Amino acid sequence: MLDEYILLTYPVLVGGGTPFFTPLDNWVNLKLLDTQSFPNGVLLTRYEARR
C-alpha cells in the first residue's frame, strides 16, 4: 500500500494507450495535499492515501 501519490499531468492529447492505473478491487480514499502549476502547463498534484 502506498502512503502518498504524486502525479504530474502534462497537457497532451492522445488517442489511446495503456491506462496508468490498473483496475482496483476497492475504492482508494485520497486527500488532496497540494497542487502546483508550472508555466509550461504541467500540473503537479500530491495526494495522501487515507486508511
PDB file of N, CA and C in Angstrom:
ATOM      1  N   MET A   1       0.848  -1.174   0.000  1.00  0.00           N
ATOM      2  CA  MET A   1       0.000   0.000   0.000  1.00  0.00           C
ATOM      3  C   MET A   1       0.890   1.232   0.000  1.00  0.00           C
ATOM      4  N   LEU A   2       0.493   2.208  -0.784  1.00  0.00           N
ATOM      5  CA  LEU A   2       1.229   3.467  -0.863  1.00  0.00           C
ATOM      6  C   LEU A   2       0.647   4.473   0.118  1.00  0.00           C
ATOM      7  N   ASP A   3       1.491   5.325   0.692  1.00  0.00           N
ATOM      8  CA  ASP A   3       1.048   6.369   1.610  1.00  0.00           C
ATOM      9  C   ASP A   3       0.754   7.673   0.895  1.00  0.00           C
ATOM     10  N   GLU A   4       1.425   7.913  -0.243  1.00  0.00           N
ATOM     11  CA  GLU A   4       1.267   9.178  -0.943  1.00  0.00           C
ATOM     12  C   GLU A   4       1.407   8.962  -2.440  1.00  0.00           C
ATOM     13  N   TYR A   5       0.598   9.689  -3.206  1.00  0.00           N
ATOM     14  CA  TYR A   5       0.663   9.669  -4.656  1.00  0.00           C
ATOM     15  C   TYR A   5       1.062  11.058  -5.120  1.00  0.00           C
ATOM     16  N   ILE A   6       2.040  11.147  -6.005  1.00  0.00           N
ATOM     17  CA  ILE A   6       2.435  12.409  -6.615  1.00  0.00           C
ATOM     18  C   ILE A   6       2.284  12.231  -8.119  1.00  0.00           C
ATOM     19  N   LEU A   7       1.409  13.043  -8.721  1.00  0.00           N
ATOM     20  CA  LEU A   7       1.131  12.923 -10.146  1.00  0.00           C
ATOM     21  C   LEU A   7       1.534  14.196 -10.864  1.00  0.00           C
ATOM     22  N   LEU A   8       2.159  14.032 -12.020  1.00  0.00           N
ATOM     23  CA  LEU A   8       2.453  15.140 -12.915  1.00  0.00           C
ATOM     24  C   LEU A   8       1.576  14.954 -14.142  1.00  0.00           C
ATOM     25  N   THR A   9       0.757  15.949 -14.444  1.00  0.00           N
ATOM     26  CA  THR A   9      -0.151  15.887 -15.564  1.00  0.00           C
ATOM     27  C   THR A   9       0.339  16.843 -16.650  1.00  0.00           C
ATOM     28  N   TYR A  10       0.596  16.278 -17.832  1.00  0.00           N
ATOM     29  CA  TYR A  10       1.083  17.056 -18.969  1.00  0.00           C
ATOM     30  C   TYR A  10      -0.069  17.306 -19.932  1.00  0.00           C
ATOM     31  N   PRO A  11      -0.240  18.541 -20.411  1.00  0.00           N
ATOM     32  CA  PRO A  11      -1.339  18.848 -21.329  1.00  0.00           C
ATOM     33  C   PRO A  11      -1.057  18.340 -22.754  1.00  0.00           C
ATOM     34  N   VAL A  12      -1.416  17.080 -23.006  1.00  0.00           N
ATOM     35  CA  VAL A  12      -1.156  16.450 -24.290  1.00  0.00           C
ATOM     36  C   VAL A  12      -2.420  15.693 -24.708  1.00  0.00           C
ATOM     37  N   LEU A  13      -2.750  15.768 -25.976  1.00  0.00           N
ATOM     38  CA  LEU A  13      -3.873  14.991 -26.488  1.00  0.00           C
ATOM     39  C   LEU A  13      -3.363  13.658 -27.008  1.00  0.00           C
ATOM     40  N   VAL A  14      -4.013  12.584 -26.585  1.00  0.00           N
ATOM     41  CA  VAL A  14      -3.658  11.255 -27.069  1.00  0.00           C
ATOM     42  C   VAL A  14      -4.926  10.510 -27.449  1.00  0.00           C
ATOM     43  N   GLY A  15      -4.774   9.602 -28.357  1.00  0.00           N
ATOM     44  CA  GLY A  15      -5.928   8.851 -28.824  1.00  0.00           C
ATOM     45  C   GLY A  15      -6.086   7.495 -28.186  1.00  0.00           C
ATOM     46  N   GLY A  16      -5.137   7.056 -27.416  1.00  0.00           N
ATOM     47  CA  GLY A  16      -5.232   5.740 -26.800  1.00  0.00           C
ATOM     48  C   GLY A  16      -3.986   5.447 -26.010  1.00  0.00           C
ATOM     49  N   GLY A  17      -3.844   4.222 -25.610  1.00  0.00           N
ATOM     50  CA  GLY A  17      -2.661   3.836 -24.861  1.00  0.00           C
ATOM     51  C   GLY A  17      -3.016   2.952 -23.682  1.00  0.00           C
ATOM     52  N   THR A  18      -2.036   2.721 -22.849  1.00  0.00           N
ATOM     53  CA  THR A  18      -2.189   1.877 -21.674  1.00  0.00           C
ATOM     54  C   THR A  18      -2.654   2.729 -20.495  1.00  0.00           C
ATOM     55  N   PRO A  19      -3.695   2.308 -19.763  1.00  0.00           N
ATOM     56  CA  PRO A  19      -4.135   3.045 -18.588  1.00  0.00           C
ATOM     57  C   PRO A  19      -3.011   3.138 -17.549  1.00  0.00           C
ATOM     58  N   PHE A  20      -2.939   4.282 -16.875  1.00  0.00           N
ATOM     59  CA  PHE A  20      -1.901   4.497 -15.860  1.00  0.00           C
ATOM     60  C   PHE A  20      -2.110   3.580 -14.654  1.00  0.00           C
ATOM     61  N   PHE A  21      -3.363   3.471 -14.187  1.00  0.00           N
ATOM     62  CA  PHE A  21      -3.685   2.614 -13.042  1.00  0.00           C
ATOM     63  C   PHE A  21      -4.425   1.378 -13.521  1.00  0.00           C
ATOM     64  N   THR A  22      -4.148   0.256 -12.904  1.00  0.00           N
ATOM     65  CA  THR A  22      -4.878  -0.973 -13.200  1.00  0.00           C
ATOM     66  C   THR A  22      -6.223  -0.929 -12.473  1.00  0.00           C
ATOM     67  N   PRO A  23      -7.190  -1.738 -12.897  1.00  0.00           N
ATOM     68  CA  PRO A  23      -8.474  -1.780 -12.177  1.00  0.00           C
ATOM     69  C   PRO A  23      -8.272  -2.179 -10.714  1.00  0.00           C
ATOM     70  N   LEU A  24      -9.065  -1.575  -9.827  1.00  0.00           N
ATOM     71  CA  LEU A  24      -8.942  -1.823  -8.389  1.00  0.00           C
ATOM     72  C   LEU A  24     -10.120  -2.645  -7.885  1.00  0.00           C
ATOM     73  N   ASP A  25      -9.879  -3.414  -6.826  1.00  0.00           N
ATOM     74  CA  ASP A  25     -10.952  -4.172  -6.185  1.00  0.00           C
ATOM     75  C   ASP A  25     -11.840  -3.262  -5.335  1.00  0.00           C
ATOM     76  N   ASN A  26     -11.226  -2.220  -4.732  1.00  0.00           N
ATOM     77  CA  ASN A  26     -11.940  -1.297  -3.851  1.00  0.00           C
ATOM     78  C   ASN A  26     -11.568   0.138  -4.192  1.00  0.00           C
ATOM     79  N   TRP A  27     -12.412   1.077  -3.754  1.00  0.00           N
ATOM     80  CA  TRP A  27     -12.104   2.493  -3.906  1.00  0.00           C
ATOM     81  C   TRP A  27     -10.911   2.847  -3.031  1.00  0.00           C
ATOM     82  N   VAL A  28     -10.092   3.781  -3.495  1.00  0.00           N
ATOM     83  CA  VAL A  28      -8.983   4.305  -2.694  1.00  0.00           C
ATOM     84  C   VAL A  28      -9.374   5.714  -2.269  1.00  0.00           C
ATOM     85  N   ASN A  29      -9.452   5.938  -0.960  1.00  0.00           N
ATOM     86  CA  ASN A  29      -9.853   7.234  -0.428  1.00  0.00           C
ATOM     87  C   ASN A  29      -8.620   8.129  -0.364  1.00  0.00           C
ATOM     88  N   LEU A  30      -8.603   9.194  -1.147  1.00  0.00           N
ATOM     89  CA  LEU A  30      -7.455  10.085  -1.219  1.00  0.00           C
ATOM     90  C   LEU A  30      -7.809  11.470  -0.704  1.00  0.00           C
ATOM     91  N   LYS A  31      -6.833  12.121  -0.083  1.00  0.00           N
ATOM     92  CA  LYS A  31      -6.975  13.504   0.367  1.00  0.00           C
ATOM     93  C   LYS A  31      -5.966  14.344  -0.401  1.00  0.00           C
ATOM     94  N   LEU A  32      -6.450  15.397  -1.073  1.00  0.00           N
ATOM     95  CA  LEU A  32      -5.570  16.282  -1.823  1.00  0.00           C
ATOM     96  C   LEU A  32      -4.726  17.095  -0.844  1.00  0.00           C
ATOM     97  N   LEU A  33      -3.394  17.005  -0.965  1.00  0.00           N
ATOM     98  CA  LEU A  33      -2.486  17.718  -0.074  1.00  0.00           C
ATOM     99  C   LEU A  33      -1.965  19.012  -0.677  1.00  0.00           C
ATOM    100  N   ASP A  34      -1.670  18.996  -1.982  1.00  0.00           N
ATOM    101  CA  ASP A  34      -1.013  20.147  -2.588  1.00  0.00           C
ATOM    102  C   ASP A  34      -1.187  20.099  -4.100  1.00  0.00           C
ATOM    103  N   THR A  35      -1.246  21.266  -4.708  1.00  0.00           N
ATOM    104  CA  THR A  35      -1.202  21.372  -6.159  1.00  0.00           C
ATOM    105  C   THR A  35      -0.224  22.473  -6.533  1.00  0.00           C
ATOM    106  N   GLN A  36       0.399  22.298  -7.666  1.00  0.00           N
ATOM    107  CA  GLN A  36       1.333  23.310  -8.165  1.00  0.00           C
ATOM    108  C   GLN A  36       1.263  23.294  -9.686  1.00  0.00           C
ATOM    109  N   SER A  37       1.124  24.475 -10.270  1.00  0.00           N
ATOM    110  CA  SER A  37       1.107  24.555 -11.729  1.00  0.00           C
ATOM    111  C   SER A  37       2.378  25.246 -12.204  1.00  0.00           C
ATOM    112  N   PHE A  38       2.815  24.859 -13.390  1.00  0.00           N
ATOM    113  CA  PHE A  38       4.043  25.375 -13.960  1.00  0.00           C
ATOM    114  C   PHE A  38       3.728  26.143 -15.243  1.00  0.00           C
ATOM    115  N   PRO A  39       4.596  27.094 -15.654  1.00  0.00           N
ATOM    116  CA  PRO A  39       4.340  27.915 -16.838  1.00  0.00           C
ATOM    117  C   PRO A  39       4.098  27.117 -18.129  1.00  0.00           C
ATOM    118  N   ASN A  40       4.671  25.927 -18.233  1.00  0.00           N
ATOM    119  CA  ASN A  40       4.502  25.122 -19.443  1.00  0.00           C
ATOM    120  C   ASN A  40       3.193  24.325 -19.445  1.00  0.00           C
ATOM    121  N   GLY A  41       2.338  24.506 -18.422  1.00  0.00           N
ATOM    122  CA  GLY A  41       1.044  23.838 -18.370  1.00  0.00           C
ATOM    123  C   GLY A  41       1.016  22.571 -17.546  1.00  0.00           C
ATOM    124  N   VAL A  42       2.160  22.111 -17.070  1.00  0.00           N
ATOM    125  CA  VAL A  42       2.216  20.893 -16.252  1.00  0.00           C
ATOM    126  C   VAL A  42       1.595  21.178 -14.885  1.00  0.00           C
ATOM    127  N   LEU A  43       0.835  20.215 -14.377  1.00  0.00           N
ATOM    128  CA  LEU A  43       0.205  20.324 -13.068  1.00  0.00           C
ATOM    129  C   LEU A  43       0.717  19.209 -12.169  1.00  0.00           C
ATOM    130  N   LEU A  44       1.226  19.561 -10.996  1.00  0.00           N
ATOM    131  CA  LEU A  44       1.675  18.586 -10.003  1.00  0.00           C
ATOM    132  C   LEU A  44       0.607  18.515  -8.921  1.00  0.00           C
ATOM    133  N   THR A  45       0.162  17.311  -8.599  1.00  0.00           N
ATOM    134  CA  THR A  45      -0.793  17.111  -7.510  1.00  0.00           C
ATOM    135  C   THR A  45      -0.258  16.052  -6.558  1.00  0.00           C
ATOM    136  N   ARG A  46      -0.419  16.313  -5.252  1.00  0.00           N
ATOM    137  CA  ARG A  46       0.003  15.367  -4.213  1.00  0.00           C
ATOM    138  C   ARG A  46      -1.230  14.915  -3.431  1.00  0.00           C
ATOM    139  N   TYR A  47      -1.361  13.609  -3.280  1.00  0.00           N
ATOM    140  CA  TYR A  47      -2.486  13.038  -2.551  1.00  0.00           C
ATOM    141  C   TYR A  47      -1.962  12.131  -1.451  1.00  0.00           C
ATOM    142  N   GLU A  48      -2.682  12.101  -0.339  1.00  0.00           N
ATOM    143  CA  GLU A  48      -2.393  11.191   0.771  1.00  0.00           C
ATOM    144  C   GLU A  48      -3.464  10.101   0.769  1.00  0.00           C
ATOM    145  N   ALA A  49      -3.040   8.864   0.939  1.00  0.00           N
ATOM    146  CA  ALA A  49      -3.988   7.762   0.995  1.00  0.00           C
ATOM    147  C   ALA A  49      -4.536   7.676   2.423  1.00  0.00           C
ATOM    148  N   ARG A  50      -5.859   7.849   2.549  1.00  0.00           N
ATOM    149  CA  ARG A  50      -6.497   7.730   3.866  1.00  0.00           C
ATOM    150  C   ARG A  50      -6.776   6.276   4.132  1.00  0.00           C
ATOM    151  N   ARG A  51      -6.665   5.885   5.365  1.00  0.00           N
ATOM    152  CA  ARG A  51      -6.900   4.476   5.752  1.00  0.00           C
ATOM    153  C   ARG A  51      -8.179   4.330   6.528  1.00  0.00           C
TER     154      ARG A  51
END
